Amino acid sequence: MLINPRPETSPSSAHDRVYRGLRTRIMHGEIGPGQALTLRGIGKEFEVSMTPAREAVRRLVAEGALTLSTSGRVATPELSNERIEELAALRSLIEVELASRAMPRAHMALIERLQTINGAISEAVAHKDAVAYIRTNLEFHRTLYLRAQAPAMLAMAETVWLQLGPTMRALYGRLRRTEPPHFHRLIIAALRAGDEPGLRLAVRSDVTQGLKMLAS
């Protein structure tokens, strides 16, 4: 006897769809810092009932992507300077290690892929598209770090990115970029040369420089 698979409209799949959709929007800076969200609004956007919306919010609050006040207000976080500095330090520690582990497995196809992504970042800058810029910037880093074959460490890095998403949107507005990050070119050059110290320095500078300016 065949057992029918769980339909896509089941509560668990609906909750996961809302969670992943909101998580992506927050990580990519589609929602600015301090912006309030309602379960009713989330449910309407994703065409689900209140229960999947509530479960998705609960998970995102646990990850630090959303805040929940004692009055029940749900919002994206407004990070203090101390919190920004803490998350910048975490990015420096985790991502430098991921890049270092990725280097022995780097190959020309990876380097060419990173150059292609950097081209997409250039297009986002030219169009002044903050969300596309943040999305492609994170894609650049994720593509490199996947070569580290350290999934637990990469998951930690993504949690930090998630907490920083709305703040990165605010940072983009302050930077007023006119070209891709300078340090991306240094990262690619270090990979090409097999220069691990240079790679570590370029990644550390890339992931902390802007955030330090925002916290200053």
N, C-alpha and C. Protein backbone atom coordinates (compact mmCIF):
# COMPACT_ATOMS: atom_id res chain seq x y z
N MET A 1 0.84 -1.19 0.00
CA MET A 1 0.00 0.00 0.00
C MET A 1 0.88 1.25 0.00
N LEU A 2 0.61 2.17 -0.91
CA LEU A 2 1.39 3.39 -1.00
C LEU A 2 0.87 4.42 0.00
N ILE A 3 1.78 5.12 0.60
CA ILE A 3 1.42 6.19 1.53
C ILE A 3 1.60 7.52 0.81
N ASN A 4 0.57 8.30 0.79
CA ASN A 4 0.66 9.59 0.10
C ASN A 4 1.63 10.51 0.84
N PRO A 5 2.46 11.23 0.11
CA PRO A 5 3.35 12.18 0.76
C PRO A 5 2.58 13.32 1.40
N ARG A 6 3.19 13.95 2.40
CA ARG A 6 2.55 15.07 3.07
C ARG A 6 2.34 16.20 2.08
N PRO A 7 1.14 16.75 2.01
CA PRO A 7 0.89 17.83 1.05
C PRO A 7 1.66 19.08 1.42
N GLU A 8 1.89 19.92 0.41
CA GLU A 8 2.65 21.15 0.61
C GLU A 8 1.93 22.12 1.54
N THR A 9 0.60 21.94 1.68
CA THR A 9 -0.17 22.86 2.50
C THR A 9 -0.23 22.43 3.95
N SER A 10 0.49 21.40 4.35
CA SER A 10 0.49 20.96 5.74
C SER A 10 1.06 22.05 6.62
N PRO A 11 0.69 22.08 7.92
CA PRO A 11 1.17 23.14 8.81
C PRO A 11 2.68 23.24 8.87
N SER A 12 3.38 22.08 8.88
CA SER A 12 4.83 22.13 9.00
C SER A 12 5.48 22.72 7.76
N SER A 13 4.97 22.37 6.56
CA SER A 13 5.56 22.91 5.34
C SER A 13 5.22 24.39 5.21
N ALA A 14 4.03 24.79 5.64
CA ALA A 14 3.66 26.21 5.60
C ALA A 14 4.55 27.01 6.52
N HIS A 15 4.79 26.49 7.72
CA HIS A 15 5.66 27.18 8.68
C HIS A 15 7.07 27.31 8.12
N ASP A 16 7.58 26.25 7.50
CA ASP A 16 8.94 26.28 6.97
C ASP A 16 9.04 27.26 5.81
N ARG A 17 8.00 27.33 4.99
CA ARG A 17 8.01 28.27 3.86
C ARG A 17 8.04 29.71 4.37
N VAL A 18 7.24 30.00 5.38
CA VAL A 18 7.23 31.35 5.94
C VAL A 18 8.57 31.67 6.59
N TYR A 19 9.09 30.71 7.34
CA TYR A 19 10.37 30.91 8.02
C TYR A 19 11.48 31.21 7.02
N ARG A 20 11.59 30.39 5.99
CA ARG A 20 12.65 30.59 5.00
C ARG A 20 12.47 31.89 4.22
N GLY A 21 11.23 32.21 3.90
CA GLY A 21 10.98 33.44 3.16
C GLY A 21 11.33 34.68 3.98
N LEU A 22 10.90 34.71 5.24
CA LEU A 22 11.21 35.84 6.11
C LEU A 22 12.70 35.91 6.39
N ARG A 23 13.31 34.75 6.62
CA ARG A 23 14.74 34.70 6.92
C ARG A 23 15.55 35.30 5.77
N THR A 24 15.18 34.95 4.55
CA THR A 24 15.89 35.48 3.38
C THR A 24 15.70 36.98 3.28
N ARG A 25 14.49 37.45 3.49
CA ARG A 25 14.22 38.89 3.39
C ARG A 25 15.02 39.67 4.43
N ILE A 26 15.09 39.14 5.63
CA ILE A 26 15.83 39.83 6.70
C ILE A 26 17.32 39.81 6.40
N MET A 27 17.86 38.65 6.01
CA MET A 27 19.29 38.53 5.76
C MET A 27 19.74 39.44 4.63
N HIS A 28 18.90 39.62 3.62
CA HIS A 28 19.26 40.42 2.46
C HIS A 28 18.92 41.90 2.63
N GLY A 29 18.47 42.29 3.81
CA GLY A 29 18.22 43.70 4.06
C GLY A 29 16.96 44.24 3.43
N GLU A 30 16.01 43.38 3.09
CA GLU A 30 14.76 43.86 2.52
C GLU A 30 13.91 44.56 3.57
N ILE A 31 14.17 44.27 4.84
CA ILE A 31 13.45 44.89 5.94
C ILE A 31 14.46 45.69 6.76
N GLY A 32 14.20 46.96 6.92
CA GLY A 32 15.14 47.83 7.62
C GLY A 32 15.14 47.61 9.12
N PRO A 33 16.11 48.17 9.83
CA PRO A 33 16.19 48.00 11.29
C PRO A 33 15.04 48.70 12.01
N GLY A 34 14.51 48.03 13.03
CA GLY A 34 13.44 48.61 13.83
C GLY A 34 12.07 48.56 13.20
N GLN A 35 11.92 47.83 12.09
CA GLN A 35 10.63 47.78 11.41
C GLN A 35 9.73 46.75 12.07
N ALA A 36 8.53 47.16 12.42
CA ALA A 36 7.59 46.27 13.10
C ALA A 36 6.92 45.33 12.11
N LEU A 37 6.66 44.11 12.57
CA LEU A 37 5.95 43.12 11.78
C LEU A 37 4.75 42.62 12.60
N THR A 38 3.70 42.21 11.93
CA THR A 38 2.55 41.64 12.62
C THR A 38 2.29 40.24 12.09
N LEU A 39 1.76 39.39 12.95
CA LEU A 39 1.43 38.03 12.51
C LEU A 39 0.38 38.08 11.40
N ARG A 40 -0.55 39.01 11.55
CA ARG A 40 -1.59 39.13 10.52
C ARG A 40 -0.98 39.52 9.17
N GLY A 41 -0.04 40.47 9.21
CA GLY A 41 0.61 40.91 7.98
C GLY A 41 1.45 39.81 7.36
N ILE A 42 2.16 39.06 8.19
CA ILE A 42 2.98 37.95 7.70
C ILE A 42 2.09 36.88 7.09
N GLY A 43 0.99 36.57 7.79
CA GLY A 43 0.06 35.57 7.28
C GLY A 43 -0.53 35.97 5.94
N LYS A 44 -0.87 37.26 5.80
CA LYS A 44 -1.44 37.73 4.54
C LYS A 44 -0.41 37.66 3.42
N GLU A 45 0.84 38.06 3.72
CA GLU A 45 1.88 38.07 2.69
C GLU A 45 2.15 36.67 2.16
N PHE A 46 2.21 35.68 3.07
CA PHE A 46 2.56 34.31 2.67
C PHE A 46 1.33 33.42 2.49
N GLU A 47 0.15 34.00 2.67
CA GLU A 47 -1.12 33.28 2.49
C GLU A 47 -1.19 32.05 3.38
N VAL A 48 -0.94 32.28 4.67
CA VAL A 48 -1.03 31.20 5.66
C VAL A 48 -1.84 31.70 6.85
N SER A 49 -2.18 30.77 7.72
CA SER A 49 -2.91 31.12 8.94
C SER A 49 -1.94 31.71 9.97
N MET A 50 -2.47 32.09 11.11
CA MET A 50 -1.65 32.69 12.16
C MET A 50 -0.64 31.71 12.75
N THR A 51 -0.98 30.42 12.79
CA THR A 51 -0.10 29.45 13.45
C THR A 51 1.25 29.31 12.74
N PRO A 52 1.31 29.08 11.42
CA PRO A 52 2.63 29.04 10.77
C PRO A 52 3.40 30.35 10.90
N ALA A 53 2.68 31.47 10.84
CA ALA A 53 3.34 32.77 10.99
C ALA A 53 3.95 32.89 12.38
N ARG A 54 3.22 32.47 13.40
CA ARG A 54 3.71 32.54 14.78
C ARG A 54 4.93 31.65 14.98
N GLU A 55 4.90 30.45 14.42
CA GLU A 55 6.03 29.52 14.56
C GLU A 55 7.27 30.04 13.85
N ALA A 56 7.09 30.63 12.68
CA ALA A 56 8.23 31.19 11.95
C ALA A 56 8.85 32.34 12.73
N VAL A 57 8.01 33.20 13.29
CA VAL A 57 8.51 34.32 14.09
C VAL A 57 9.25 33.81 15.32
N ARG A 58 8.70 32.79 15.95
CA ARG A 58 9.35 32.23 17.14
C ARG A 58 10.77 31.75 16.81
N ARG A 59 10.93 31.08 15.70
CA ARG A 59 12.26 30.60 15.30
C ARG A 59 13.21 31.76 15.01
N LEU A 60 12.71 32.78 14.35
CA LEU A 60 13.56 33.92 13.98
C LEU A 60 13.93 34.75 15.21
N VAL A 61 13.04 34.82 16.18
CA VAL A 61 13.38 35.49 17.45
C VAL A 61 14.51 34.72 18.14
N ALA A 62 14.42 33.38 18.13
CA ALA A 62 15.46 32.56 18.76
C ALA A 62 16.82 32.74 18.09
N GLU A 63 16.81 33.04 16.79
CA GLU A 63 18.05 33.23 16.04
C GLU A 63 18.58 34.67 16.12
N GLY A 64 17.83 35.55 16.77
CA GLY A 64 18.26 36.94 16.87
C GLY A 64 17.93 37.78 15.66
N ALA A 65 17.14 37.23 14.73
CA ALA A 65 16.78 37.97 13.52
C ALA A 65 15.62 38.92 13.78
N LEU A 66 14.81 38.63 14.79
CA LEU A 66 13.70 39.47 15.19
C LEU A 66 13.73 39.65 16.70
N THR A 67 13.11 40.71 17.18
CA THR A 67 12.98 40.93 18.62
C THR A 67 11.51 40.84 18.99
N LEU A 68 11.24 40.40 20.20
CA LEU A 68 9.88 40.31 20.71
C LEU A 68 9.83 41.02 22.05
N SER A 69 9.09 42.11 22.13
CA SER A 69 9.02 42.89 23.36
C SER A 69 8.04 42.25 24.33
N THR A 70 8.05 42.73 25.56
CA THR A 70 7.13 42.20 26.58
C THR A 70 5.68 42.49 26.22
N SER A 71 5.46 43.51 25.40
CA SER A 71 4.11 43.84 24.97
C SER A 71 3.66 43.01 23.77
N GLY A 72 4.60 42.20 23.23
CA GLY A 72 4.27 41.36 22.09
C GLY A 72 4.62 41.97 20.75
N ARG A 73 5.28 43.11 20.74
CA ARG A 73 5.67 43.76 19.48
C ARG A 73 6.84 43.01 18.85
N VAL A 74 6.68 42.64 17.58
CA VAL A 74 7.73 41.95 16.83
C VAL A 74 8.37 42.95 15.87
N ALA A 75 9.71 43.00 15.84
CA ALA A 75 10.39 43.94 14.97
C ALA A 75 11.77 43.42 14.63
N THR A 76 12.35 43.98 13.57
CA THR A 76 13.76 43.70 13.28
C THR A 76 14.61 44.48 14.28
N PRO A 77 15.78 43.96 14.64
CA PRO A 77 16.56 44.60 15.70
C PRO A 77 17.20 45.91 15.26
N GLU A 78 17.30 46.82 16.21
CA GLU A 78 18.11 48.03 16.06
C GLU A 78 19.34 47.83 16.93
N LEU A 79 20.47 47.57 16.30
CA LEU A 79 21.65 47.15 17.03
C LEU A 79 22.40 48.34 17.63
N SER A 80 22.84 48.16 18.87
CA SER A 80 23.68 49.16 19.49
C SER A 80 25.08 49.09 18.90
N ASN A 81 25.89 50.13 19.13
CA ASN A 81 27.27 50.12 18.64
C ASN A 81 28.04 48.94 19.22
N GLU A 82 27.79 48.63 20.49
CA GLU A 82 28.49 47.50 21.13
C GLU A 82 28.12 46.19 20.45
N ARG A 83 26.84 46.04 20.10
CA ARG A 83 26.40 44.81 19.45
C ARG A 83 26.98 44.70 18.04
N ILE A 84 27.03 45.82 17.31
CA ILE A 84 27.63 45.82 15.98
C ILE A 84 29.10 45.41 16.06
N GLU A 85 29.82 45.96 17.02
CA GLU A 85 31.23 45.61 17.19
C GLU A 85 31.40 44.14 17.53
N GLU A 86 30.49 43.61 18.36
CA GLU A 86 30.56 42.19 18.72
C GLU A 86 30.35 41.30 17.49
N LEU A 87 29.35 41.64 16.69
CA LEU A 87 29.06 40.83 15.50
C LEU A 87 30.16 40.98 14.46
N ALA A 88 30.76 42.17 14.36
CA ALA A 88 31.89 42.35 13.45
C ALA A 88 33.06 41.47 13.88
N ALA A 89 33.30 41.39 15.20
CA ALA A 89 34.38 40.54 15.71
C ALA A 89 34.10 39.07 15.41
N LEU A 90 32.84 38.68 15.53
CA LEU A 90 32.47 37.29 15.21
C LEU A 90 32.70 37.00 13.73
N ARG A 91 32.31 37.94 12.86
CA ARG A 91 32.55 37.75 11.43
C ARG A 91 34.05 37.58 11.17
N SER A 92 34.84 38.40 11.82
CA SER A 92 36.28 38.32 11.62
C SER A 92 36.82 36.96 12.02
N LEU A 93 36.41 36.47 13.18
CA LEU A 93 36.92 35.19 13.67
C LEU A 93 36.46 34.03 12.78
N ILE A 94 35.16 33.97 12.51
CA ILE A 94 34.59 32.82 11.81
C ILE A 94 34.96 32.82 10.33
N GLU A 95 34.81 33.96 9.68
CA GLU A 95 34.98 34.00 8.23
C GLU A 95 36.44 33.93 7.80
N VAL A 96 37.33 34.48 8.61
CA VAL A 96 38.75 34.33 8.31
C VAL A 96 39.14 32.85 8.38
N GLU A 97 38.62 32.14 9.37
CA GLU A 97 38.92 30.71 9.50
C GLU A 97 38.32 29.92 8.33
N LEU A 98 37.09 30.26 7.94
CA LEU A 98 36.47 29.58 6.80
C LEU A 98 37.28 29.80 5.52
N ALA A 99 37.71 31.04 5.30
CA ALA A 99 38.50 31.33 4.10
C ALA A 99 39.82 30.56 4.11
N SER A 100 40.45 30.50 5.27
CA SER A 100 41.71 29.78 5.39
C SER A 100 41.53 28.30 5.08
N ARG A 101 40.44 27.73 5.56
CA ARG A 101 40.17 26.31 5.29
C ARG A 101 39.78 26.08 3.84
N ALA A 102 39.21 27.10 3.21
CA ALA A 102 38.80 26.95 1.81
C ALA A 102 39.98 27.01 0.86
N MET A 103 41.02 27.72 1.23
CA MET A 103 42.13 27.96 0.30
C MET A 103 42.72 26.69 -0.30
N PRO A 104 43.01 25.63 0.48
CA PRO A 104 43.60 24.43 -0.14
C PRO A 104 42.69 23.77 -1.18
N ARG A 105 41.39 24.07 -1.11
CA ARG A 105 40.44 23.46 -2.05
C ARG A 105 40.01 24.45 -3.14
N ALA A 106 40.63 25.61 -3.16
CA ALA A 106 40.30 26.60 -4.19
C ALA A 106 40.88 26.18 -5.53
N HIS A 107 40.15 26.41 -6.60
CA HIS A 107 40.61 26.07 -7.94
C HIS A 107 40.18 27.18 -8.88
N MET A 108 40.61 27.10 -10.12
CA MET A 108 40.34 28.18 -11.06
C MET A 108 38.85 28.39 -11.29
N ALA A 109 38.08 27.30 -11.28
CA ALA A 109 36.64 27.45 -11.48
C ALA A 109 36.03 28.27 -10.36
N LEU A 110 36.51 28.08 -9.14
CA LEU A 110 36.02 28.86 -8.00
C LEU A 110 36.39 30.33 -8.18
N ILE A 111 37.63 30.59 -8.54
CA ILE A 111 38.08 31.97 -8.72
C ILE A 111 37.28 32.66 -9.81
N GLU A 112 37.02 31.95 -10.91
CA GLU A 112 36.22 32.52 -12.00
C GLU A 112 34.79 32.79 -11.53
N ARG A 113 34.26 31.90 -10.72
CA ARG A 113 32.91 32.09 -10.18
C ARG A 113 32.87 33.34 -9.29
N LEU A 114 33.88 33.52 -8.45
CA LEU A 114 33.93 34.70 -7.59
C LEU A 114 34.02 35.98 -8.41
N GLN A 115 34.77 35.93 -9.51
CA GLN A 115 34.87 37.10 -10.38
C GLN A 115 33.52 37.41 -11.02
N THR A 116 32.80 36.38 -11.40
CA THR A 116 31.47 36.57 -11.98
C THR A 116 30.52 37.21 -10.98
N ILE A 117 30.55 36.71 -9.75
CA ILE A 117 29.70 37.29 -8.71
C ILE A 117 30.07 38.74 -8.45
N ASN A 118 31.37 39.03 -8.47
CA ASN A 118 31.81 40.41 -8.26
C ASN A 118 31.27 41.32 -9.37
N GLY A 119 31.15 40.75 -10.58
CA GLY A 119 30.54 41.51 -11.67
C GLY A 119 29.08 41.82 -11.38
N ALA A 120 28.37 40.85 -10.77
CA ALA A 120 26.97 41.08 -10.40
C ALA A 120 26.87 42.14 -9.31
N ILE A 121 27.84 42.16 -8.41
CA ILE A 121 27.88 43.20 -7.38
C ILE A 121 28.04 44.57 -8.03
N SER A 122 28.89 44.64 -9.05
CA SER A 122 29.08 45.90 -9.78
C SER A 122 27.77 46.40 -10.38
N GLU A 123 26.98 45.47 -10.94
CA GLU A 123 25.69 45.85 -11.52
C GLU A 123 24.74 46.36 -10.45
N ALA A 124 24.74 45.71 -9.27
CA ALA A 124 23.88 46.16 -8.18
C ALA A 124 24.28 47.56 -7.73
N VAL A 125 25.59 47.82 -7.67
CA VAL A 125 26.08 49.15 -7.30
C VAL A 125 25.64 50.17 -8.33
N ALA A 126 25.79 49.84 -9.61
CA ALA A 126 25.43 50.77 -10.68
C ALA A 126 23.95 51.12 -10.64
N HIS A 127 23.11 50.14 -10.26
CA HIS A 127 21.67 50.37 -10.19
C HIS A 127 21.21 50.89 -8.82
N LYS A 128 22.18 51.08 -7.92
CA LYS A 128 21.87 51.54 -6.55
C LYS A 128 20.83 50.64 -5.89
N ASP A 129 20.98 49.34 -6.10
CA ASP A 129 20.06 48.33 -5.57
C ASP A 129 20.67 47.72 -4.31
N ALA A 130 20.25 48.23 -3.15
CA ALA A 130 20.85 47.80 -1.88
C ALA A 130 20.61 46.32 -1.63
N VAL A 131 19.41 45.83 -1.89
CA VAL A 131 19.09 44.43 -1.61
C VAL A 131 19.91 43.51 -2.50
N ALA A 132 20.00 43.84 -3.79
CA ALA A 132 20.81 43.03 -4.71
C ALA A 132 22.27 43.07 -4.31
N TYR A 133 22.73 44.22 -3.84
CA TYR A 133 24.12 44.34 -3.39
C TYR A 133 24.39 43.42 -2.20
N ILE A 134 23.52 43.46 -1.20
CA ILE A 134 23.73 42.63 -0.02
C ILE A 134 23.64 41.15 -0.39
N ARG A 135 22.65 40.80 -1.25
CA ARG A 135 22.47 39.40 -1.65
C ARG A 135 23.70 38.87 -2.39
N THR A 136 24.20 39.63 -3.35
CA THR A 136 25.35 39.14 -4.13
C THR A 136 26.65 39.19 -3.31
N ASN A 137 26.74 40.15 -2.39
CA ASN A 137 27.91 40.20 -1.52
C ASN A 137 27.97 38.95 -0.64
N LEU A 138 26.83 38.56 -0.07
CA LEU A 138 26.80 37.35 0.74
C LEU A 138 27.05 36.11 -0.12
N GLU A 139 26.55 36.13 -1.36
CA GLU A 139 26.80 35.00 -2.26
C GLU A 139 28.30 34.85 -2.52
N PHE A 140 29.00 35.96 -2.67
CA PHE A 140 30.45 35.94 -2.86
C PHE A 140 31.12 35.20 -1.70
N HIS A 141 30.76 35.60 -0.48
CA HIS A 141 31.39 34.98 0.69
C HIS A 141 30.97 33.52 0.85
N ARG A 142 29.68 33.23 0.67
CA ARG A 142 29.20 31.86 0.83
C ARG A 142 29.86 30.92 -0.18
N THR A 143 30.02 31.38 -1.41
CA THR A 143 30.64 30.56 -2.45
C THR A 143 32.06 30.17 -2.06
N LEU A 144 32.81 31.11 -1.51
CA LEU A 144 34.15 30.81 -1.05
C LEU A 144 34.13 29.86 0.15
N TYR A 145 33.28 30.16 1.11
CA TYR A 145 33.30 29.40 2.36
C TYR A 145 32.78 27.97 2.21
N LEU A 146 31.96 27.73 1.20
CA LEU A 146 31.50 26.35 0.96
C LEU A 146 32.68 25.42 0.69
N ARG A 147 33.77 25.97 0.13
CA ARG A 147 34.95 25.15 -0.15
C ARG A 147 35.67 24.74 1.13
N ALA A 148 35.34 25.36 2.24
CA ALA A 148 35.98 24.99 3.51
C ALA A 148 35.47 23.65 4.01
N GLN A 149 34.30 23.23 3.53
CA GLN A 149 33.68 21.97 3.97
C GLN A 149 33.57 21.94 5.50
N ALA A 150 33.06 23.03 6.05
CA ALA A 150 32.87 23.18 7.50
C ALA A 150 31.45 23.68 7.73
N PRO A 151 30.44 22.81 7.57
CA PRO A 151 29.05 23.26 7.60
C PRO A 151 28.61 23.90 8.91
N ALA A 152 29.11 23.41 10.04
CA ALA A 152 28.72 24.00 11.32
C ALA A 152 29.23 25.43 11.43
N MET A 153 30.46 25.64 10.98
CA MET A 153 31.05 26.97 11.03
C MET A 153 30.32 27.92 10.07
N LEU A 154 29.97 27.43 8.89
CA LEU A 154 29.25 28.25 7.92
C LEU A 154 27.86 28.60 8.46
N ALA A 155 27.21 27.67 9.14
CA ALA A 155 25.90 27.96 9.73
C ALA A 155 26.02 29.07 10.77
N MET A 156 27.10 29.08 11.53
CA MET A 156 27.33 30.15 12.50
C MET A 156 27.50 31.49 11.80
N ALA A 157 28.25 31.49 10.70
CA ALA A 157 28.45 32.72 9.94
C ALA A 157 27.11 33.23 9.41
N GLU A 158 26.26 32.33 8.92
CA GLU A 158 24.97 32.75 8.37
C GLU A 158 24.06 33.30 9.45
N THR A 159 24.16 32.79 10.67
CA THR A 159 23.37 33.34 11.77
C THR A 159 23.80 34.78 12.06
N VAL A 160 25.09 35.04 11.99
CA VAL A 160 25.58 36.41 12.17
C VAL A 160 25.07 37.30 11.03
N TRP A 161 25.14 36.82 9.79
CA TRP A 161 24.63 37.59 8.66
C TRP A 161 23.15 37.92 8.86
N LEU A 162 22.42 36.94 9.37
CA LEU A 162 20.98 37.13 9.58
C LEU A 162 20.73 38.25 10.58
N GLN A 163 21.46 38.25 11.67
CA GLN A 163 21.28 39.28 12.69
C GLN A 163 21.69 40.67 12.17
N LEU A 164 22.62 40.69 11.22
CA LEU A 164 23.12 41.95 10.69
C LEU A 164 22.35 42.47 9.47
N GLY A 165 21.45 41.65 8.90
CA GLY A 165 20.80 42.01 7.64
C GLY A 165 20.21 43.41 7.61
N PRO A 166 19.30 43.76 8.53
CA PRO A 166 18.73 45.11 8.51
C PRO A 166 19.77 46.20 8.71
N THR A 167 20.77 45.94 9.56
CA THR A 167 21.83 46.91 9.79
C THR A 167 22.68 47.09 8.54
N MET A 168 22.92 46.00 7.78
CA MET A 168 23.68 46.11 6.54
C MET A 168 22.94 47.00 5.54
N ARG A 169 21.62 46.97 5.57
CA ARG A 169 20.84 47.85 4.69
C ARG A 169 21.11 49.31 5.06
N ALA A 170 21.13 49.60 6.36
CA ALA A 170 21.41 50.96 6.81
C ALA A 170 22.85 51.36 6.45
N LEU A 171 23.77 50.40 6.57
CA LEU A 171 25.17 50.66 6.25
C LEU A 171 25.34 50.98 4.77
N TYR A 172 24.63 50.26 3.92
CA TYR A 172 24.74 50.50 2.48
C TYR A 172 24.37 51.94 2.15
N GLY A 173 23.31 52.44 2.78
CA GLY A 173 22.89 53.81 2.54
C GLY A 173 23.95 54.82 2.97
N ARG A 174 24.69 54.50 4.01
CA ARG A 174 25.72 55.42 4.49
C ARG A 174 26.98 55.37 3.62
N LEU A 175 27.32 54.18 3.13
CA LEU A 175 28.56 54.04 2.36
C LEU A 175 28.49 54.73 1.00
N ARG A 176 27.28 54.72 0.38
CA ARG A 176 27.10 55.30 -0.96
C ARG A 176 28.15 54.73 -1.93
N ARG A 177 28.18 53.42 -2.04
CA ARG A 177 29.18 52.76 -2.87
C ARG A 177 29.06 53.15 -4.34
N THR A 178 30.21 53.22 -4.99
CA THR A 178 30.25 53.47 -6.43
C THR A 178 30.95 52.34 -7.17
N GLU A 179 31.46 51.35 -6.41
CA GLU A 179 32.13 50.19 -7.02
C GLU A 179 32.09 49.03 -6.03
N PRO A 180 32.38 47.81 -6.49
CA PRO A 180 32.37 46.65 -5.59
C PRO A 180 33.41 46.83 -4.48
N PRO A 181 33.27 46.07 -3.38
CA PRO A 181 34.24 46.19 -2.29
C PRO A 181 35.67 45.97 -2.79
N HIS A 182 36.55 46.87 -2.43
CA HIS A 182 37.96 46.79 -2.83
C HIS A 182 38.59 45.48 -2.38
N PHE A 183 38.21 45.01 -1.19
CA PHE A 183 38.85 43.83 -0.63
C PHE A 183 38.46 42.54 -1.35
N HIS A 184 37.36 42.56 -2.11
CA HIS A 184 37.01 41.37 -2.89
C HIS A 184 38.10 41.08 -3.92
N ARG A 185 38.62 42.12 -4.55
CA ARG A 185 39.69 41.92 -5.52
C ARG A 185 40.94 41.36 -4.84
N LEU A 186 41.20 41.82 -3.62
CA LEU A 186 42.35 41.30 -2.88
C LEU A 186 42.14 39.85 -2.48
N ILE A 187 40.91 39.49 -2.15
CA ILE A 187 40.59 38.09 -1.82
C ILE A 187 40.86 37.20 -3.03
N ILE A 188 40.38 37.62 -4.20
CA ILE A 188 40.57 36.85 -5.42
C ILE A 188 42.06 36.75 -5.76
N ALA A 189 42.78 37.85 -5.62
CA ALA A 189 44.21 37.84 -5.92
C ALA A 189 44.97 36.92 -4.98
N ALA A 190 44.60 36.91 -3.71
CA ALA A 190 45.27 36.04 -2.73
C ALA A 190 44.98 34.58 -3.04
N LEU A 191 43.75 34.27 -3.42
CA LEU A 191 43.42 32.89 -3.80
C LEU A 191 44.23 32.45 -5.01
N ARG A 192 44.34 33.34 -5.98
CA ARG A 192 45.07 33.01 -7.19
C ARG A 192 46.56 32.76 -6.89
N ALA A 193 47.11 33.53 -5.95
CA ALA A 193 48.54 33.43 -5.61
C ALA A 193 48.82 32.38 -4.54
N GLY A 194 47.76 31.81 -3.95
CA GLY A 194 47.98 30.87 -2.85
C GLY A 194 48.55 31.56 -1.62
N ASP A 195 48.19 32.81 -1.43
CA ASP A 195 48.73 33.63 -0.34
C ASP A 195 47.76 33.60 0.84
N GLU A 196 47.96 32.66 1.77
CA GLU A 196 47.04 32.53 2.90
C GLU A 196 47.06 33.74 3.82
N PRO A 197 48.23 34.26 4.22
CA PRO A 197 48.21 35.46 5.07
C PRO A 197 47.49 36.63 4.39
N GLY A 198 47.72 36.79 3.10
CA GLY A 198 47.03 37.86 2.37
C GLY A 198 45.54 37.64 2.32
N LEU A 199 45.11 36.39 2.16
CA LEU A 199 43.69 36.06 2.14
C LEU A 199 43.05 36.37 3.49
N ARG A 200 43.69 35.96 4.55
CA ARG A 200 43.15 36.19 5.89
C ARG A 200 43.00 37.69 6.16
N LEU A 201 43.99 38.47 5.76
CA LEU A 201 43.93 39.92 5.97
C LEU A 201 42.82 40.55 5.14
N ALA A 202 42.70 40.12 3.89
CA ALA A 202 41.68 40.70 3.00
C ALA A 202 40.28 40.38 3.50
N VAL A 203 40.05 39.15 3.94
CA VAL A 203 38.72 38.77 4.45
C VAL A 203 38.42 39.54 5.74
N ARG A 204 39.38 39.60 6.64
CA ARG A 204 39.17 40.31 7.91
C ARG A 204 38.82 41.78 7.64
N SER A 205 39.55 42.40 6.74
CA SER A 205 39.29 43.80 6.42
C SER A 205 37.92 43.98 5.78
N ASP A 206 37.58 43.07 4.87
CA ASP A 206 36.32 43.18 4.14
C ASP A 206 35.11 43.08 5.06
N VAL A 207 35.15 42.16 6.02
CA VAL A 207 33.97 41.89 6.83
C VAL A 207 33.84 42.82 8.02
N THR A 208 34.88 43.60 8.33
CA THR A 208 34.82 44.47 9.50
C THR A 208 34.86 45.95 9.19
N GLN A 209 35.44 46.35 8.07
CA GLN A 209 35.69 47.77 7.82
C GLN A 209 34.41 48.61 7.85
N GLY A 210 33.41 48.19 7.06
CA GLY A 210 32.17 48.94 6.99
C GLY A 210 31.44 48.98 8.31
N LEU A 211 31.38 47.82 8.99
CA LEU A 211 30.67 47.75 10.26
C LEU A 211 31.32 48.64 11.31
N LYS A 212 32.65 48.70 11.29
CA LYS A 212 33.33 49.57 12.24
C LYS A 212 32.99 51.03 11.99
N MET A 213 32.83 51.40 10.72
CA MET A 213 32.45 52.76 10.40
C MET A 213 31.04 53.06 10.91
N LEU A 214 30.15 52.08 10.79
CA LEU A 214 28.77 52.27 11.24
C LEU A 214 28.69 52.43 12.75
N ALA A 215 29.60 51.74 13.47
CA ALA A 215 29.57 51.80 14.93
C ALA A 215 30.33 53.01 15.47
N SER A 216 31.05 53.71 14.60
CA SER A 216 31.87 54.83 15.08
C SER A 216 31.03 56.08 15.32
